[in-house]
């Protein structure tokens, strides 16, 4: 499967795509939004996924970096990420 997978592990969010694994502390996540541009507005962002014209872009803004996820499953991933960063 070539999709992007997101899960919570302790106090981190782990994002996997192909052979890439990114770990982001939940406390570092500032916002989760969408981006309607083809390559993403943030030029220095870390990009995960395949940027086809039909994929949506989900942007994770952290204290250190910005991540752009190219996925067709953005609503599910966005809901999952938002549930992780909501205070308990």
N, C-alpha and C. Protein backbone atom coordinates (compact mmCIF):
# COMPACT_ATOMS: atom_id res chain seq x y z
N UNK A 1 0.84 -1.18 0.00
CA UNK A 1 0.00 0.00 0.00
C UNK A 1 0.88 1.24 0.00
N UNK A 2 0.52 2.24 -0.78
CA UNK A 2 1.35 3.43 -0.93
C UNK A 2 0.80 4.63 -0.19
N UNK A 3 -0.21 4.47 0.63
CA UNK A 3 -0.82 5.59 1.33
C UNK A 3 0.02 6.09 2.49
N UNK A 4 -0.41 7.21 3.02
CA UNK A 4 0.22 7.79 4.20
C UNK A 4 -0.54 7.29 5.42
N UNK A 5 0.20 6.81 6.40
CA UNK A 5 -0.40 6.29 7.62
C UNK A 5 0.02 7.16 8.81
N UNK A 6 -0.95 7.51 9.64
CA UNK A 6 -0.71 8.37 10.80
C UNK A 6 -1.24 7.66 12.03
N UNK A 7 -0.41 7.63 13.09
CA UNK A 7 -0.90 7.07 14.35
C UNK A 7 -0.21 7.76 15.51
N UNK A 8 -0.86 7.67 16.65
CA UNK A 8 -0.33 8.26 17.89
C UNK A 8 0.44 7.18 18.64
N UNK A 9 1.66 7.52 19.02
CA UNK A 9 2.49 6.62 19.82
C UNK A 9 2.98 7.43 21.02
N UNK A 10 2.43 7.13 22.18
CA UNK A 10 2.71 7.87 23.41
C UNK A 10 2.37 9.34 23.20
N UNK A 11 3.34 10.23 23.28
CA UNK A 11 3.07 11.66 23.12
C UNK A 11 3.57 12.18 21.77
N UNK A 12 3.68 11.28 20.79
CA UNK A 12 4.15 11.64 19.45
C UNK A 12 3.15 11.21 18.39
N UNK A 13 3.23 11.87 17.24
CA UNK A 13 2.50 11.45 16.05
C UNK A 13 3.53 10.84 15.12
N UNK A 14 3.27 9.64 14.64
CA UNK A 14 4.17 8.97 13.72
C UNK A 14 3.49 8.92 12.35
N UNK A 15 4.19 9.44 11.34
CA UNK A 15 3.68 9.46 9.97
C UNK A 15 4.58 8.55 9.15
N UNK A 16 3.95 7.59 8.45
CA UNK A 16 4.71 6.66 7.61
C UNK A 16 4.23 6.75 6.18
N UNK A 17 5.20 6.79 5.28
CA UNK A 17 4.91 6.75 3.85
C UNK A 17 6.08 6.05 3.17
N UNK A 18 5.78 4.95 2.47
CA UNK A 18 6.80 4.10 1.87
C UNK A 18 7.87 3.77 2.91
N UNK A 19 9.13 4.14 2.70
CA UNK A 19 10.19 3.84 3.66
C UNK A 19 10.48 5.00 4.61
N UNK A 20 9.67 6.04 4.55
CA UNK A 20 9.87 7.23 5.37
C UNK A 20 9.05 7.13 6.66
N UNK A 21 9.69 7.49 7.75
CA UNK A 21 9.01 7.54 9.05
C UNK A 21 9.36 8.88 9.70
N UNK A 22 8.32 9.67 10.00
CA UNK A 22 8.50 10.98 10.63
C UNK A 22 7.81 10.94 11.98
N UNK A 23 8.52 11.36 13.01
CA UNK A 23 7.96 11.43 14.36
C UNK A 23 7.89 12.89 14.79
N UNK A 24 6.69 13.32 15.17
CA UNK A 24 6.47 14.71 15.58
C UNK A 24 5.87 14.70 16.99
N UNK A 25 6.50 15.38 17.93
CA UNK A 25 5.88 15.50 19.26
C UNK A 25 4.54 16.25 19.15
N UNK A 26 3.51 15.72 19.76
CA UNK A 26 2.19 16.34 19.69
C UNK A 26 2.23 17.76 20.24
N UNK A 27 3.03 18.00 21.26
CA UNK A 27 3.11 19.33 21.85
C UNK A 27 3.72 20.37 20.90
N UNK A 28 4.41 19.92 19.85
CA UNK A 28 5.02 20.84 18.88
C UNK A 28 4.06 21.24 17.76
N UNK A 29 2.94 20.55 17.61
CA UNK A 29 2.01 20.83 16.51
C UNK A 29 1.22 22.10 16.83
N UNK A 30 1.33 23.08 15.94
CA UNK A 30 0.62 24.34 16.12
C UNK A 30 -0.70 24.38 15.37
N UNK A 31 -0.75 23.76 14.16
CA UNK A 31 -1.97 23.79 13.37
C UNK A 31 -1.95 22.67 12.34
N UNK A 32 -3.16 22.25 11.96
CA UNK A 32 -3.36 21.28 10.88
C UNK A 32 -4.37 21.90 9.93
N UNK A 33 -3.95 22.18 8.70
CA UNK A 33 -4.80 22.86 7.73
C UNK A 33 -4.68 22.18 6.37
N UNK A 34 -5.44 22.69 5.40
CA UNK A 34 -5.32 22.21 4.04
C UNK A 34 -4.65 23.29 3.19
N UNK A 35 -4.17 22.89 2.03
CA UNK A 35 -3.49 23.81 1.12
C UNK A 35 -4.00 23.52 -0.28
N UNK A 36 -4.49 24.53 -0.98
CA UNK A 36 -5.07 24.29 -2.30
C UNK A 36 -4.09 24.54 -3.45
N UNK A 37 -2.83 24.81 -3.15
CA UNK A 37 -1.85 25.00 -4.21
C UNK A 37 -1.26 23.66 -4.62
N UNK A 38 -0.67 23.60 -5.81
CA UNK A 38 -0.16 22.32 -6.31
C UNK A 38 1.01 21.81 -5.48
N UNK A 39 2.01 22.63 -5.25
CA UNK A 39 3.21 22.18 -4.56
C UNK A 39 3.29 22.58 -3.11
N UNK A 40 2.29 23.32 -2.64
CA UNK A 40 2.31 23.80 -1.26
C UNK A 40 2.88 25.20 -1.20
N UNK A 41 2.30 26.02 -0.35
CA UNK A 41 2.73 27.42 -0.22
C UNK A 41 4.10 27.55 0.43
N UNK A 42 4.36 26.72 1.41
CA UNK A 42 5.62 26.78 2.14
C UNK A 42 6.73 26.11 1.32
N UNK A 43 7.70 26.89 0.89
CA UNK A 43 8.76 26.38 0.01
C UNK A 43 9.72 25.45 0.74
N UNK A 44 9.94 25.65 2.03
CA UNK A 44 10.89 24.84 2.80
C UNK A 44 10.23 23.67 3.51
N UNK A 45 9.00 23.33 3.16
CA UNK A 45 8.26 22.28 3.85
C UNK A 45 8.82 20.90 3.52
N UNK A 46 8.59 19.98 4.43
CA UNK A 46 8.91 18.57 4.21
C UNK A 46 7.69 17.94 3.57
N UNK A 47 7.86 17.34 2.40
CA UNK A 47 6.73 16.81 1.64
C UNK A 47 6.72 15.29 1.70
N UNK A 48 5.53 14.74 1.99
CA UNK A 48 5.33 13.30 2.03
C UNK A 48 4.16 12.95 1.13
N UNK A 49 4.31 11.93 0.34
CA UNK A 49 3.26 11.52 -0.57
C UNK A 49 3.59 11.92 -2.00
N UNK A 50 2.72 11.51 -2.91
CA UNK A 50 2.92 11.78 -4.33
C UNK A 50 2.04 12.95 -4.75
N UNK A 51 2.63 14.03 -5.24
CA UNK A 51 1.85 15.24 -5.57
C UNK A 51 1.18 15.19 -6.93
N UNK A 52 0.20 14.31 -7.08
CA UNK A 52 -0.60 14.29 -8.30
C UNK A 52 -1.59 15.44 -8.27
N UNK A 53 -2.13 15.78 -9.42
CA UNK A 53 -3.10 16.87 -9.50
C UNK A 53 -4.39 16.57 -8.76
N UNK A 54 -4.70 15.29 -8.55
CA UNK A 54 -5.96 14.93 -7.89
C UNK A 54 -5.82 14.70 -6.39
N UNK A 55 -4.61 14.78 -5.86
CA UNK A 55 -4.45 14.58 -4.42
C UNK A 55 -4.65 15.90 -3.68
N UNK A 56 -5.10 15.79 -2.46
CA UNK A 56 -5.27 16.97 -1.61
C UNK A 56 -4.01 17.16 -0.78
N UNK A 57 -3.84 18.35 -0.27
CA UNK A 57 -2.67 18.67 0.53
C UNK A 57 -3.08 19.01 1.95
N UNK A 58 -2.51 18.28 2.88
CA UNK A 58 -2.75 18.52 4.30
C UNK A 58 -1.46 19.08 4.88
N UNK A 59 -1.54 20.20 5.57
CA UNK A 59 -0.36 20.87 6.09
C UNK A 59 -0.34 20.77 7.61
N UNK A 60 0.79 20.32 8.13
CA UNK A 60 1.00 20.26 9.58
C UNK A 60 2.08 21.28 9.90
N UNK A 61 1.71 22.29 10.68
CA UNK A 61 2.64 23.34 11.06
C UNK A 61 3.09 23.05 12.49
N UNK A 62 4.41 22.92 12.66
CA UNK A 62 4.97 22.67 13.98
C UNK A 62 5.90 23.82 14.37
N UNK A 63 6.43 23.75 15.57
CA UNK A 63 7.36 24.77 16.03
C UNK A 63 8.63 24.79 15.20
N UNK A 64 9.05 23.63 14.70
CA UNK A 64 10.32 23.50 13.98
C UNK A 64 10.15 23.50 12.46
N UNK A 65 9.17 22.76 11.94
CA UNK A 65 9.03 22.53 10.51
C UNK A 65 7.58 22.63 10.07
N UNK A 66 7.41 22.61 8.76
CA UNK A 66 6.10 22.49 8.16
C UNK A 66 6.12 21.23 7.30
N UNK A 67 5.07 20.42 7.41
CA UNK A 67 4.97 19.18 6.67
C UNK A 67 3.77 19.27 5.74
N UNK A 68 3.94 18.84 4.50
CA UNK A 68 2.83 18.78 3.56
C UNK A 68 2.61 17.32 3.20
N UNK A 69 1.40 16.84 3.46
CA UNK A 69 1.05 15.46 3.15
C UNK A 69 0.19 15.46 1.89
N UNK A 70 0.64 14.80 0.85
CA UNK A 70 -0.13 14.65 -0.38
C UNK A 70 -0.91 13.35 -0.28
N UNK A 71 -2.24 13.44 -0.19
CA UNK A 71 -3.05 12.26 0.05
C UNK A 71 -4.46 12.43 -0.53
N UNK A 72 -5.09 11.33 -0.82
CA UNK A 72 -6.50 11.36 -1.23
C UNK A 72 -7.40 11.14 -0.03
N UNK A 73 -6.81 10.90 1.13
CA UNK A 73 -7.54 10.58 2.35
C UNK A 73 -7.37 11.69 3.39
N UNK A 74 -7.39 12.94 2.95
CA UNK A 74 -7.02 14.02 3.86
C UNK A 74 -8.02 14.24 5.00
N UNK A 75 -9.32 14.02 4.76
CA UNK A 75 -10.29 14.26 5.83
C UNK A 75 -10.08 13.31 7.00
N UNK A 76 -9.82 12.07 6.70
CA UNK A 76 -9.59 11.08 7.76
C UNK A 76 -8.32 11.41 8.55
N UNK A 77 -7.26 11.75 7.84
CA UNK A 77 -6.00 12.08 8.51
C UNK A 77 -6.14 13.37 9.31
N UNK A 78 -6.84 14.36 8.77
CA UNK A 78 -7.02 15.63 9.48
C UNK A 78 -7.83 15.43 10.75
N UNK A 79 -8.89 14.65 10.69
CA UNK A 79 -9.68 14.37 11.89
C UNK A 79 -8.84 13.65 12.95
N UNK A 80 -8.05 12.69 12.50
CA UNK A 80 -7.20 11.93 13.41
C UNK A 80 -6.19 12.86 14.09
N UNK A 81 -5.51 13.69 13.31
CA UNK A 81 -4.52 14.62 13.87
C UNK A 81 -5.17 15.62 14.83
N UNK A 82 -6.32 16.15 14.45
CA UNK A 82 -7.01 17.11 15.33
C UNK A 82 -7.42 16.46 16.64
N UNK A 83 -7.81 15.19 16.60
CA UNK A 83 -8.18 14.50 17.84
C UNK A 83 -6.96 14.30 18.74
N UNK A 84 -5.79 14.15 18.15
CA UNK A 84 -4.57 13.98 18.94
C UNK A 84 -4.14 15.26 19.62
N UNK A 85 -4.35 16.41 18.96
CA UNK A 85 -3.84 17.67 19.53
C UNK A 85 -4.85 18.37 20.42
N UNK A 86 -6.07 17.87 20.47
CA UNK A 86 -7.06 18.48 21.37
C UNK A 86 -6.69 18.17 22.81
N UNK A 87 -6.75 19.16 23.69
CA UNK A 87 -6.44 18.90 25.09
C UNK A 87 -7.45 17.95 25.72
N UNK A 88 -6.94 17.04 26.50
CA UNK A 88 -7.82 16.02 27.13
C UNK A 88 -8.46 16.54 28.39
